Amino acid sequence: MFQTFSLPHVAFLAHAALWTVALSALALGGGALGGLLVAAARVARAAWVRSIAQGFIAVVQGTPLLVQLFLAY
């Protein structure tokens, strides 16, 4: 009924931890790059670029995170 915890389980957990760290680093890098692009658009000289950035920020800040995750999925 109960399964024993053995060395293959530890290896599986270590592999999962590596994937977690790798995906977290990828998300951090992508978020930093995306944030930098939006920040650069927010201070751009062209008014239409600033307005697009302002609209994007308003939409992202105005919707719940769960809705954004559903849309992204």
PDB file of N, CA and C in Angstrom:
ATOM      1  N   MET A   1       0.821  -1.174   0.000  1.00  0.00           N
ATOM      2  CA  MET A   1       0.000   0.000   0.000  1.00  0.00           C
ATOM      3  C   MET A   1       0.875   1.251   0.000  1.00  0.00           C
ATOM      4  N   PHE A   2       1.933   1.288   0.804  1.00  0.00           N
ATOM      5  CA  PHE A   2       2.826   2.436   0.829  1.00  0.00           C
ATOM      6  C   PHE A   2       4.073   2.121   0.022  1.00  0.00           C
ATOM      7  N   GLN A   3       4.552   3.115  -0.690  1.00  0.00           N
ATOM      8  CA  GLN A   3       5.747   2.932  -1.492  1.00  0.00           C
ATOM      9  C   GLN A   3       6.949   3.475  -0.715  1.00  0.00           C
ATOM     10  N   THR A   4       8.066   2.770  -0.785  1.00  0.00           N
ATOM     11  CA  THR A   4       9.253   3.216  -0.068  1.00  0.00           C
ATOM     12  C   THR A   4       9.975   4.287  -0.879  1.00  0.00           C
ATOM     13  N   PHE A   5      10.648   5.159  -0.184  1.00  0.00           N
ATOM     14  CA  PHE A   5      11.404   6.241  -0.801  1.00  0.00           C
ATOM     15  C   PHE A   5      12.820   5.741  -1.032  1.00  0.00           C
ATOM     16  N   SER A   6      13.259   5.722  -2.301  1.00  0.00           N
ATOM     17  CA  SER A   6      14.549   5.142  -2.612  1.00  0.00           C
ATOM     18  C   SER A   6      15.384   6.106  -3.460  1.00  0.00           C
ATOM     19  N   LEU A   7      16.548   5.656  -3.866  1.00  0.00           N
ATOM     20  CA  LEU A   7      17.488   6.474  -4.621  1.00  0.00           C
ATOM     21  C   LEU A   7      16.922   6.956  -5.961  1.00  0.00           C
ATOM     22  N   PRO A   8      16.182   6.165  -6.718  1.00  0.00           N
ATOM     23  CA  PRO A   8      15.596   6.698  -7.954  1.00  0.00           C
ATOM     24  C   PRO A   8      14.642   7.879  -7.704  1.00  0.00           C
ATOM     25  N   HIS A   9      13.984   7.868  -6.552  1.00  0.00           N
ATOM     26  CA  HIS A   9      13.113   8.990  -6.230  1.00  0.00           C
ATOM     27  C   HIS A   9      13.930  10.259  -6.000  1.00  0.00           C
ATOM     28  N   VAL A  10      15.067  10.122  -5.339  1.00  0.00           N
ATOM     29  CA  VAL A  10      15.935  11.272  -5.101  1.00  0.00           C
ATOM     30  C   VAL A  10      16.473  11.809  -6.425  1.00  0.00           C
ATOM     31  N   ALA A  11      16.851  10.907  -7.318  1.00  0.00           N
ATOM     32  CA  ALA A  11      17.341  11.335  -8.629  1.00  0.00           C
ATOM     33  C   ALA A  11      16.245  12.055  -9.413  1.00  0.00           C
ATOM     34  N   PHE A  12      15.034  11.549  -9.333  1.00  0.00           N
ATOM     35  CA  PHE A  12      13.906  12.201 -10.010  1.00  0.00           C
ATOM     36  C   PHE A  12      13.658  13.595  -9.438  1.00  0.00           C
ATOM     37  N   LEU A  13      13.715  13.742  -8.119  1.00  0.00           N
ATOM     38  CA  LEU A  13      13.519  15.041  -7.486  1.00  0.00           C
ATOM     39  C   LEU A  13      14.649  16.010  -7.834  1.00  0.00           C
ATOM     40  N   ALA A  14      15.878  15.512  -7.927  1.00  0.00           N
ATOM     41  CA  ALA A  14      17.005  16.366  -8.304  1.00  0.00           C
ATOM     42  C   ALA A  14      16.856  16.843  -9.745  1.00  0.00           C
ATOM     43  N   HIS A  15      16.407  15.956 -10.615  1.00  0.00           N
ATOM     44  CA  HIS A  15      16.174  16.328 -12.012  1.00  0.00           C
ATOM     45  C   HIS A  15      15.059  17.372 -12.106  1.00  0.00           C
ATOM     46  N   ALA A  16      14.015  17.192 -11.338  1.00  0.00           N
ATOM     47  CA  ALA A  16      12.917  18.156 -11.324  1.00  0.00           C
ATOM     48  C   ALA A  16      13.378  19.500 -10.773  1.00  0.00           C
ATOM     49  N   ALA A  17      14.244  19.498  -9.782  1.00  0.00           N
ATOM     50  CA  ALA A  17      14.768  20.749  -9.225  1.00  0.00           C
ATOM     51  C   ALA A  17      15.611  21.496 -10.260  1.00  0.00           C
ATOM     52  N   LEU A  18      16.398  20.762 -11.044  1.00  0.00           N
ATOM     53  CA  LEU A  18      17.174  21.402 -12.107  1.00  0.00           C
ATOM     54  C   LEU A  18      16.259  22.039 -13.155  1.00  0.00           C
ATOM     55  N   TRP A  19      15.202  21.351 -13.534  1.00  0.00           N
ATOM     56  CA  TRP A  19      14.245  21.914 -14.486  1.00  0.00           C
ATOM     57  C   TRP A  19      13.575  23.153 -13.907  1.00  0.00           C
ATOM     58  N   THR A  20      13.270  23.132 -12.628  1.00  0.00           N
ATOM     59  CA  THR A  20      12.642  24.281 -11.990  1.00  0.00           C
ATOM     60  C   THR A  20      13.568  25.486 -12.017  1.00  0.00           C
ATOM     61  N   VAL A  21      14.832  25.277 -11.710  1.00  0.00           N
ATOM     62  CA  VAL A  21      15.797  26.373 -11.728  1.00  0.00           C
ATOM     63  C   VAL A  21      15.987  26.895 -13.154  1.00  0.00           C
ATOM     64  N   ALA A  22      16.077  26.000 -14.122  1.00  0.00           N
ATOM     65  CA  ALA A  22      16.264  26.418 -15.512  1.00  0.00           C
ATOM     66  C   ALA A  22      15.062  27.209 -16.030  1.00  0.00           C
ATOM     67  N   LEU A  23      13.868  26.734 -15.748  1.00  0.00           N
ATOM     68  CA  LEU A  23      12.679  27.451 -16.214  1.00  0.00           C
ATOM     69  C   LEU A  23      12.504  28.777 -15.492  1.00  0.00           C
ATOM     70  N   SER A  24      12.885  28.834 -14.228  1.00  0.00           N
ATOM     71  CA  SER A  24      12.826  30.093 -13.489  1.00  0.00           C
ATOM     72  C   SER A  24      13.810  31.108 -14.066  1.00  0.00           C
ATOM     73  N   ALA A  25      15.009  30.661 -14.407  1.00  0.00           N
ATOM     74  CA  ALA A  25      15.999  31.554 -15.017  1.00  0.00           C
ATOM     75  C   ALA A  25      15.518  32.037 -16.381  1.00  0.00           C
ATOM     76  N   LEU A  26      14.906  31.153 -17.146  1.00  0.00           N
ATOM     77  CA  LEU A  26      14.362  31.541 -18.450  1.00  0.00           C
ATOM     78  C   LEU A  26      13.240  32.562 -18.300  1.00  0.00           C
ATOM     79  N   ALA A  27      12.372  32.366 -17.335  1.00  0.00           N
ATOM     80  CA  ALA A  27      11.285  33.312 -17.094  1.00  0.00           C
ATOM     81  C   ALA A  27      11.827  34.649 -16.605  1.00  0.00           C
ATOM     82  N   LEU A  28      12.850  34.620 -15.761  1.00  0.00           N
ATOM     83  CA  LEU A  28      13.456  35.854 -15.275  1.00  0.00           C
ATOM     84  C   LEU A  28      14.084  36.630 -16.428  1.00  0.00           C
ATOM     85  N   GLY A  29      14.811  35.951 -17.282  1.00  0.00           N
ATOM     86  CA  GLY A  29      15.430  36.612 -18.433  1.00  0.00           C
ATOM     87  C   GLY A  29      14.397  37.157 -19.406  1.00  0.00           C
ATOM     88  N   GLY A  30      13.367  36.364 -19.683  1.00  0.00           N
ATOM     89  CA  GLY A  30      12.315  36.828 -20.593  1.00  0.00           C
ATOM     90  C   GLY A  30      11.535  37.993 -20.022  1.00  0.00           C
ATOM     91  N   GLY A  31      11.257  37.936 -18.733  1.00  0.00           N
ATOM     92  CA  GLY A  31      10.545  39.040 -18.094  1.00  0.00           C
ATOM     93  C   GLY A  31      11.373  40.311 -18.059  1.00  0.00           C
ATOM     94  N   ALA A  32      12.669  40.168 -17.813  1.00  0.00           N
ATOM     95  CA  ALA A  32      13.551  41.339 -17.803  1.00  0.00           C
ATOM     96  C   ALA A  32      13.646  41.951 -19.196  1.00  0.00           C
ATOM     97  N   LEU A  33      13.761  41.110 -20.212  1.00  0.00           N
ATOM     98  CA  LEU A  33      13.828  41.618 -21.585  1.00  0.00           C
ATOM     99  C   LEU A  33      12.521  42.279 -21.993  1.00  0.00           C
ATOM    100  N   GLY A  34      11.404  41.644 -21.670  1.00  0.00           N
ATOM    101  CA  GLY A  34      10.100  42.231 -21.989  1.00  0.00           C
ATOM    102  C   GLY A  34       9.870  43.533 -21.245  1.00  0.00           C
ATOM    103  N   GLY A  35      10.244  43.579 -19.970  1.00  0.00           N
ATOM    104  CA  GLY A  35      10.106  44.800 -19.191  1.00  0.00           C
ATOM    105  C   GLY A  35      10.980  45.920 -19.721  1.00  0.00           C
ATOM    106  N   LEU A  36      12.172  45.568 -20.153  1.00  0.00           N
ATOM    107  CA  LEU A  36      13.067  46.568 -20.729  1.00  0.00           C
ATOM    108  C   LEU A  36      12.488  47.143 -22.019  1.00  0.00           C
ATOM    109  N   LEU A  37      11.896  46.280 -22.843  1.00  0.00           N
ATOM    110  CA  LEU A  37      11.285  46.759 -24.089  1.00  0.00           C
ATOM    111  C   LEU A  37      10.089  47.672 -23.812  1.00  0.00           C
ATOM    112  N   VAL A  38       9.265  47.308 -22.862  1.00  0.00           N
ATOM    113  CA  VAL A  38       8.109  48.145 -22.523  1.00  0.00           C
ATOM    114  C   VAL A  38       8.571  49.459 -21.905  1.00  0.00           C
ATOM    115  N   ALA A  39       9.600  49.414 -21.060  1.00  0.00           N
ATOM    116  CA  ALA A  39      10.124  50.643 -20.460  1.00  0.00           C
ATOM    117  C   ALA A  39      10.724  51.557 -21.519  1.00  0.00           C
ATOM    118  N   ALA A  40      11.423  50.976 -22.485  1.00  0.00           N
ATOM    119  CA  ALA A  40      11.988  51.784 -23.569  1.00  0.00           C
ATOM    120  C   ALA A  40      10.875  52.390 -24.420  1.00  0.00           C
ATOM    121  N   ALA A  41       9.807  51.639 -24.649  1.00  0.00           N
ATOM    122  CA  ALA A  41       8.683  52.174 -25.413  1.00  0.00           C
ATOM    123  C   ALA A  41       7.958  53.262 -24.623  1.00  0.00           C
ATOM    124  N   ARG A  42       7.962  53.127 -23.308  1.00  0.00           N
ATOM    125  CA  ARG A  42       7.268  54.110 -22.453  1.00  0.00           C
ATOM    126  C   ARG A  42       7.934  55.476 -22.489  1.00  0.00           C
ATOM    127  N   VAL A  43       9.239  55.531 -22.722  1.00  0.00           N
ATOM    128  CA  VAL A  43       9.967  56.793 -22.765  1.00  0.00           C
ATOM    129  C   VAL A  43      10.427  57.159 -24.173  1.00  0.00           C
ATOM    130  N   ALA A  44       9.843  56.519 -25.179  1.00  0.00           N
ATOM    131  CA  ALA A  44      10.225  56.788 -26.569  1.00  0.00           C
ATOM    132  C   ALA A  44       9.808  58.198 -26.972  1.00  0.00           C
ATOM    133  N   ARG A  45      10.442  58.690 -28.000  1.00  0.00           N
ATOM    134  CA  ARG A  45      10.119  60.031 -28.493  1.00  0.00           C
ATOM    135  C   ARG A  45       8.808  60.047 -29.278  1.00  0.00           C
ATOM    136  N   ALA A  46       8.525  58.974 -29.980  1.00  0.00           N
ATOM    137  CA  ALA A  46       7.303  58.919 -30.794  1.00  0.00           C
ATOM    138  C   ALA A  46       6.087  58.746 -29.890  1.00  0.00           C
ATOM    139  N   ALA A  47       5.098  59.588 -30.095  1.00  0.00           N
ATOM    140  CA  ALA A  47       3.903  59.562 -29.242  1.00  0.00           C
ATOM    141  C   ALA A  47       3.111  58.271 -29.434  1.00  0.00           C
ATOM    142  N   TRP A  48       3.086  57.737 -30.647  1.00  0.00           N
ATOM    143  CA  TRP A  48       2.304  56.525 -30.880  1.00  0.00           C
ATOM    144  C   TRP A  48       2.922  55.322 -30.176  1.00  0.00           C
ATOM    145  N   VAL A  49       4.249  55.304 -30.045  1.00  0.00           N
ATOM    146  CA  VAL A  49       4.914  54.207 -29.325  1.00  0.00           C
ATOM    147  C   VAL A  49       4.600  54.308 -27.836  1.00  0.00           C
ATOM    148  N   ARG A  50       4.643  55.531 -27.292  1.00  0.00           N
ATOM    149  CA  ARG A  50       4.304  55.731 -25.881  1.00  0.00           C
ATOM    150  C   ARG A  50       2.862  55.338 -25.598  1.00  0.00           C
ATOM    151  N   SER A  51       1.955  55.672 -26.520  1.00  0.00           N
ATOM    152  CA  SER A  51       0.543  55.337 -26.283  1.00  0.00           C
ATOM    153  C   SER A  51       0.308  53.832 -26.350  1.00  0.00           C
ATOM    154  N   ILE A  52       1.006  53.138 -27.222  1.00  0.00           N
ATOM    155  CA  ILE A  52       0.889  51.667 -27.274  1.00  0.00           C
ATOM    156  C   ILE A  52       1.405  51.061 -25.973  1.00  0.00           C
ATOM    157  N   ALA A  53       2.526  51.575 -25.485  1.00  0.00           N
ATOM    158  CA  ALA A  53       3.081  51.073 -24.224  1.00  0.00           C
ATOM    159  C   ALA A  53       2.127  51.364 -23.066  1.00  0.00           C
ATOM    160  N   GLN A  54       1.553  52.560 -23.041  1.00  0.00           N
ATOM    161  CA  GLN A  54       0.604  52.896 -21.984  1.00  0.00           C
ATOM    162  C   GLN A  54      -0.626  52.001 -22.043  1.00  0.00           C
ATOM    163  N   GLY A  55      -1.116  51.723 -23.251  1.00  0.00           N
ATOM    164  CA  GLY A  55      -2.259  50.820 -23.395  1.00  0.00           C
ATOM    165  C   GLY A  55      -1.936  49.414 -22.937  1.00  0.00           C
ATOM    166  N   PHE A  56      -0.757  48.929 -23.295  1.00  0.00           N
ATOM    167  CA  PHE A  56      -0.341  47.593 -22.867  1.00  0.00           C
ATOM    168  C   PHE A  56      -0.254  47.508 -21.348  1.00  0.00           C
ATOM    169  N   ILE A  57       0.340  48.529 -20.738  1.00  0.00           N
ATOM    170  CA  ILE A  57       0.477  48.555 -19.282  1.00  0.00           C
ATOM    171  C   ILE A  57      -0.899  48.600 -18.623  1.00  0.00           C
ATOM    172  N   ALA A  58      -1.801  49.401 -19.172  1.00  0.00           N
ATOM    173  CA  ALA A  58      -3.147  49.506 -18.592  1.00  0.00           C
ATOM    174  C   ALA A  58      -3.883  48.170 -18.668  1.00  0.00           C
ATOM    175  N   VAL A  59      -3.740  47.480 -19.786  1.00  0.00           N
ATOM    176  CA  VAL A  59      -4.417  46.183 -19.936  1.00  0.00           C
ATOM    177  C   VAL A  59      -3.824  45.156 -18.981  1.00  0.00           C
ATOM    178  N   VAL A  60      -2.499  45.108 -18.893  1.00  0.00           N
ATOM    179  CA  VAL A  60      -1.845  44.114 -18.032  1.00  0.00           C
ATOM    180  C   VAL A  60      -2.140  44.395 -16.564  1.00  0.00           C
ATOM    181  N   GLN A  61      -2.101  45.662 -16.162  1.00  0.00           N
ATOM    182  CA  GLN A  61      -2.373  45.989 -14.768  1.00  0.00           C
ATOM    183  C   GLN A  61      -3.855  45.888 -14.442  1.00  0.00           C
ATOM    184  N   GLY A  62      -4.717  45.992 -15.456  1.00  0.00           N
ATOM    185  CA  GLY A  62      -6.150  46.000 -15.203  1.00  0.00           C
ATOM    186  C   GLY A  62      -6.810  44.634 -15.216  1.00  0.00           C
ATOM    187  N   THR A  63      -6.078  43.604 -15.583  1.00  0.00           N
ATOM    188  CA  THR A  63      -6.666  42.264 -15.601  1.00  0.00           C
ATOM    189  C   THR A  63      -6.025  41.405 -14.515  1.00  0.00           C
ATOM    190  N   PRO A  64      -6.793  40.517 -13.916  1.00  0.00           N
ATOM    191  CA  PRO A  64      -6.222  39.617 -12.904  1.00  0.00           C
ATOM    192  C   PRO A  64      -5.203  38.657 -13.529  1.00  0.00           C
ATOM    193  N   LEU A  65      -4.237  38.256 -12.726  1.00  0.00           N
ATOM    194  CA  LEU A  65      -3.177  37.371 -13.208  1.00  0.00           C
ATOM    195  C   LEU A  65      -3.741  36.038 -13.703  1.00  0.00           C
ATOM    196  N   LEU A  66      -4.762  35.533 -13.041  1.00  0.00           N
ATOM    197  CA  LEU A  66      -5.341  34.259 -13.456  1.00  0.00           C
ATOM    198  C   LEU A  66      -5.947  34.361 -14.855  1.00  0.00           C
ATOM    199  N   VAL A  67      -6.573  35.476 -15.171  1.00  0.00           N
ATOM    200  CA  VAL A  67      -7.129  35.688 -16.514  1.00  0.00           C
ATOM    201  C   VAL A  67      -6.002  35.749 -17.537  1.00  0.00           C
ATOM    202  N   GLN A  68      -4.914  36.428 -17.202  1.00  0.00           N
ATOM    203  CA  GLN A  68      -3.768  36.486 -18.114  1.00  0.00           C
ATOM    204  C   GLN A  68      -3.182  35.103 -18.355  1.00  0.00           C
ATOM    205  N   LEU A  69      -3.118  34.287 -17.316  1.00  0.00           N
ATOM    206  CA  LEU A  69      -2.602  32.923 -17.482  1.00  0.00           C
ATOM    207  C   LEU A  69      -3.521  32.089 -18.364  1.00  0.00           C
ATOM    208  N   PHE A  70      -4.840  32.249 -18.201  1.00  0.00           N
ATOM    209  CA  PHE A  70      -5.780  31.525 -19.055  1.00  0.00           C
ATOM    210  C   PHE A  70      -5.617  31.961 -20.520  1.00  0.00           C
ATOM    211  N   LEU A  71      -5.452  33.253 -20.754  1.00  0.00           N
ATOM    212  CA  LEU A  71      -5.273  33.742 -22.115  1.00  0.00           C
ATOM    213  C   LEU A  71      -3.957  33.276 -22.722  1.00  0.00           C
ATOM    214  N   ALA A  72      -2.914  33.232 -21.923  1.00  0.00           N
ATOM    215  CA  ALA A  72      -1.624  32.780 -22.421  1.00  0.00           C
ATOM    216  C   ALA A  72      -1.637  31.284 -22.724  1.00  0.00           C
ATOM    217  N   TYR A  73      -2.402  30.542 -21.945  1.00  0.00           N
ATOM    218  CA  TYR A  73      -2.456  29.104 -22.171  1.00  0.00           C
ATOM    219  C   TYR A  73      -3.247  28.795 -23.427  1.00  0.00           C
TER     220      TYR A  73
END
